[in-house]
Amino acid sequence: MNAHDPKFSADPDLAQIHYGDGDYRIVRPGRYVRCAVTGAKIAIDALRYWNPVTQEAYAGPTEALQRWRELQAKGG
């Protein structure tokens, strides 16, 4: 999540998270993050899928795989 994004600052329930390899660090507390693929809200306690390289969260394994395929197609 980009802290400079107007959507981010307008919603106090939207958390800002730094995603690591096996865990994450909450930078700004909130109730949820948004899926990078679908835009769906993901409750912090339900967050299981993310990419530490792109700093993106995913709603589930299907979305994570879809994004991985997109990145591979781009050469990433």
N, C-alpha and C. Protein backbone atom coordinates (compact mmCIF):
# COMPACT_ATOMS: atom_id res chain seq x y z
N MET A 1 0.84 -1.17 0.00
CA MET A 1 0.00 0.00 0.00
C MET A 1 0.89 1.24 0.00
N ASN A 2 0.54 2.16 -0.80
CA ASN A 2 1.31 3.38 -0.93
C ASN A 2 0.77 4.43 0.03
N ALA A 3 1.58 4.88 0.96
CA ALA A 3 1.13 5.86 1.96
C ALA A 3 0.76 7.18 1.33
N HIS A 4 1.19 7.46 0.12
CA HIS A 4 0.89 8.72 -0.53
C HIS A 4 -0.35 8.63 -1.41
N ASP A 5 -0.93 7.47 -1.50
CA ASP A 5 -2.14 7.26 -2.29
C ASP A 5 -3.32 7.90 -1.56
N PRO A 6 -4.10 8.76 -2.22
CA PRO A 6 -5.23 9.41 -1.56
C PRO A 6 -6.23 8.42 -0.98
N LYS A 7 -6.42 7.27 -1.62
CA LYS A 7 -7.33 6.26 -1.09
C LYS A 7 -6.83 5.75 0.26
N PHE A 8 -5.52 5.70 0.42
CA PHE A 8 -4.94 5.20 1.66
C PHE A 8 -5.23 6.15 2.81
N SER A 9 -4.98 7.41 2.62
CA SER A 9 -5.13 8.38 3.70
C SER A 9 -6.59 8.66 4.01
N ALA A 10 -7.50 8.38 3.08
CA ALA A 10 -8.91 8.67 3.28
C ALA A 10 -9.60 7.61 4.13
N ASP A 11 -9.02 6.44 4.28
CA ASP A 11 -9.67 5.35 5.00
C ASP A 11 -8.85 4.98 6.23
N PRO A 12 -9.30 5.35 7.42
CA PRO A 12 -8.53 5.06 8.63
C PRO A 12 -8.46 3.57 8.96
N ASP A 13 -9.33 2.74 8.37
CA ASP A 13 -9.30 1.30 8.62
C ASP A 13 -8.32 0.55 7.72
N LEU A 14 -7.77 1.25 6.73
CA LEU A 14 -6.82 0.63 5.81
C LEU A 14 -5.43 0.66 6.43
N ALA A 15 -4.87 -0.52 6.67
CA ALA A 15 -3.55 -0.63 7.28
C ALA A 15 -2.46 -0.44 6.24
N GLN A 16 -1.31 -0.03 6.71
CA GLN A 16 -0.11 -0.01 5.86
C GLN A 16 0.83 -1.05 6.44
N ILE A 17 1.27 -1.96 5.59
CA ILE A 17 2.08 -3.09 6.05
C ILE A 17 3.34 -3.21 5.20
N HIS A 18 4.44 -3.55 5.87
CA HIS A 18 5.66 -3.90 5.15
C HIS A 18 5.75 -5.42 5.17
N TYR A 19 5.73 -6.02 3.98
CA TYR A 19 5.71 -7.47 3.84
C TYR A 19 7.12 -8.02 3.77
N GLY A 20 7.43 -8.97 4.65
CA GLY A 20 8.72 -9.64 4.65
C GLY A 20 8.60 -11.03 4.05
N ASP A 21 9.69 -11.80 4.12
CA ASP A 21 9.70 -13.14 3.52
C ASP A 21 8.76 -14.11 4.22
N GLY A 22 8.67 -14.06 5.52
CA GLY A 22 7.82 -15.01 6.23
C GLY A 22 6.87 -14.35 7.21
N ASP A 23 6.96 -13.05 7.30
CA ASP A 23 6.08 -12.32 8.19
C ASP A 23 5.90 -10.91 7.66
N TYR A 24 5.16 -10.12 8.39
CA TYR A 24 4.96 -8.73 7.98
C TYR A 24 5.02 -7.83 9.21
N ARG A 25 5.23 -6.55 8.95
CA ARG A 25 5.30 -5.56 10.01
C ARG A 25 4.25 -4.51 9.73
N ILE A 26 3.43 -4.23 10.72
CA ILE A 26 2.40 -3.21 10.56
C ILE A 26 3.03 -1.84 10.75
N VAL A 27 2.99 -1.04 9.69
CA VAL A 27 3.56 0.30 9.71
C VAL A 27 2.52 1.29 10.23
N ARG A 28 1.29 1.13 9.77
CA ARG A 28 0.18 1.95 10.24
C ARG A 28 -0.98 1.02 10.53
N PRO A 29 -1.45 0.98 11.78
CA PRO A 29 -2.53 0.06 12.14
C PRO A 29 -3.81 0.32 11.35
N GLY A 30 -4.54 -0.73 11.16
CA GLY A 30 -5.83 -0.66 10.49
C GLY A 30 -6.49 -2.01 10.59
N ARG A 31 -7.67 -2.12 10.01
CA ARG A 31 -8.42 -3.36 10.08
C ARG A 31 -8.16 -4.29 8.91
N TYR A 32 -7.73 -3.72 7.78
CA TYR A 32 -7.58 -4.53 6.58
C TYR A 32 -6.57 -3.92 5.63
N VAL A 33 -6.19 -4.73 4.62
CA VAL A 33 -5.42 -4.28 3.46
C VAL A 33 -6.23 -4.67 2.23
N ARG A 34 -5.84 -4.21 1.07
CA ARG A 34 -6.56 -4.53 -0.16
C ARG A 34 -5.76 -5.54 -0.99
N CYS A 35 -6.48 -6.46 -1.60
CA CYS A 35 -5.87 -7.43 -2.50
C CYS A 35 -5.38 -6.68 -3.74
N ALA A 36 -4.14 -6.92 -4.14
CA ALA A 36 -3.55 -6.24 -5.30
C ALA A 36 -4.19 -6.69 -6.61
N VAL A 37 -4.83 -7.84 -6.62
CA VAL A 37 -5.43 -8.38 -7.85
C VAL A 37 -6.89 -7.98 -7.96
N THR A 38 -7.65 -8.18 -6.89
CA THR A 38 -9.10 -7.96 -6.95
C THR A 38 -9.57 -6.68 -6.29
N GLY A 39 -8.75 -6.12 -5.42
CA GLY A 39 -9.17 -4.94 -4.67
C GLY A 39 -10.02 -5.27 -3.45
N ALA A 40 -10.25 -6.56 -3.20
CA ALA A 40 -11.06 -6.99 -2.06
C ALA A 40 -10.36 -6.63 -0.75
N LYS A 41 -11.17 -6.36 0.26
CA LYS A 41 -10.62 -6.12 1.59
C LYS A 41 -10.18 -7.44 2.21
N ILE A 42 -8.99 -7.43 2.82
CA ILE A 42 -8.47 -8.60 3.52
C ILE A 42 -8.25 -8.20 4.97
N ALA A 43 -8.99 -8.80 5.87
CA ALA A 43 -8.80 -8.53 7.30
C ALA A 43 -7.37 -8.89 7.69
N ILE A 44 -6.77 -8.08 8.53
CA ILE A 44 -5.38 -8.32 8.93
C ILE A 44 -5.21 -9.73 9.50
N ASP A 45 -6.14 -10.18 10.32
CA ASP A 45 -6.00 -11.51 10.91
C ASP A 45 -6.22 -12.64 9.91
N ALA A 46 -6.71 -12.33 8.72
CA ALA A 46 -6.91 -13.33 7.67
C ALA A 46 -5.83 -13.26 6.59
N LEU A 47 -4.89 -12.34 6.72
CA LEU A 47 -3.84 -12.13 5.72
C LEU A 47 -2.86 -13.30 5.73
N ARG A 48 -2.79 -14.02 4.62
CA ARG A 48 -1.90 -15.19 4.51
C ARG A 48 -1.01 -15.15 3.28
N TYR A 49 -1.37 -14.36 2.30
CA TYR A 49 -0.64 -14.36 1.03
C TYR A 49 -0.18 -12.96 0.68
N TRP A 50 1.13 -12.82 0.38
CA TRP A 50 1.69 -11.55 -0.02
C TRP A 50 2.99 -11.78 -0.76
N ASN A 51 3.48 -10.72 -1.39
CA ASN A 51 4.74 -10.78 -2.12
C ASN A 51 5.67 -9.73 -1.53
N PRO A 52 6.76 -10.14 -0.89
CA PRO A 52 7.67 -9.17 -0.29
C PRO A 52 8.43 -8.33 -1.31
N VAL A 53 8.58 -8.82 -2.53
CA VAL A 53 9.30 -8.07 -3.56
C VAL A 53 8.44 -6.92 -4.08
N THR A 54 7.19 -7.21 -4.39
CA THR A 54 6.30 -6.18 -4.93
C THR A 54 5.53 -5.45 -3.84
N GLN A 55 5.62 -5.93 -2.59
CA GLN A 55 4.90 -5.35 -1.46
C GLN A 55 3.40 -5.32 -1.72
N GLU A 56 2.87 -6.48 -2.13
CA GLU A 56 1.44 -6.62 -2.42
C GLU A 56 0.84 -7.72 -1.58
N ALA A 57 -0.43 -7.54 -1.22
CA ALA A 57 -1.20 -8.56 -0.51
C ALA A 57 -2.18 -9.21 -1.48
N TYR A 58 -2.54 -10.46 -1.19
CA TYR A 58 -3.47 -11.19 -2.04
C TYR A 58 -4.54 -11.85 -1.18
N ALA A 59 -5.77 -11.89 -1.69
CA ALA A 59 -6.90 -12.43 -0.94
C ALA A 59 -6.78 -13.93 -0.72
N GLY A 60 -6.10 -14.64 -1.60
CA GLY A 60 -5.96 -16.08 -1.46
C GLY A 60 -4.95 -16.64 -2.43
N PRO A 61 -4.82 -17.96 -2.46
CA PRO A 61 -3.82 -18.58 -3.33
C PRO A 61 -4.12 -18.38 -4.82
N THR A 62 -5.38 -18.31 -5.18
CA THR A 62 -5.73 -18.11 -6.59
C THR A 62 -5.23 -16.75 -7.08
N GLU A 63 -5.45 -15.72 -6.27
CA GLU A 63 -5.01 -14.37 -6.63
C GLU A 63 -3.48 -14.27 -6.63
N ALA A 64 -2.85 -14.92 -5.66
CA ALA A 64 -1.38 -14.92 -5.60
C ALA A 64 -0.79 -15.58 -6.85
N LEU A 65 -1.36 -16.71 -7.25
CA LEU A 65 -0.88 -17.41 -8.44
C LEU A 65 -1.12 -16.57 -9.70
N GLN A 66 -2.29 -15.96 -9.78
CA GLN A 66 -2.59 -15.10 -10.93
C GLN A 66 -1.57 -13.98 -11.06
N ARG A 67 -1.26 -13.32 -9.95
CA ARG A 67 -0.29 -12.22 -9.98
C ARG A 67 1.10 -12.74 -10.32
N TRP A 68 1.48 -13.91 -9.77
CA TRP A 68 2.78 -14.49 -10.07
C TRP A 68 2.92 -14.74 -11.57
N ARG A 69 1.86 -15.27 -12.18
CA ARG A 69 1.88 -15.53 -13.62
C ARG A 69 2.01 -14.23 -14.41
N GLU A 70 1.31 -13.19 -13.96
CA GLU A 70 1.41 -11.89 -14.64
C GLU A 70 2.84 -11.36 -14.56
N LEU A 71 3.45 -11.48 -13.39
CA LEU A 71 4.82 -10.99 -13.23
C LEU A 71 5.81 -11.80 -14.05
N GLN A 72 5.59 -13.11 -14.15
CA GLN A 72 6.48 -13.96 -14.96
C GLN A 72 6.36 -13.61 -16.43
N ALA A 73 5.16 -13.30 -16.87
CA ALA A 73 4.94 -12.93 -18.27
C ALA A 73 5.65 -11.62 -18.61
N LYS A 74 5.81 -10.75 -17.62
CA LYS A 74 6.49 -9.48 -17.82
C LYS A 74 7.99 -9.61 -17.66
N GLY A 75 8.45 -10.81 -17.29
CA GLY A 75 9.88 -11.02 -17.12
C GLY A 75 10.34 -10.76 -15.69
N GLY A 76 9.43 -10.71 -14.75
CA GLY A 76 9.77 -10.41 -13.37
C GLY A 76 9.72 -11.58 -12.52
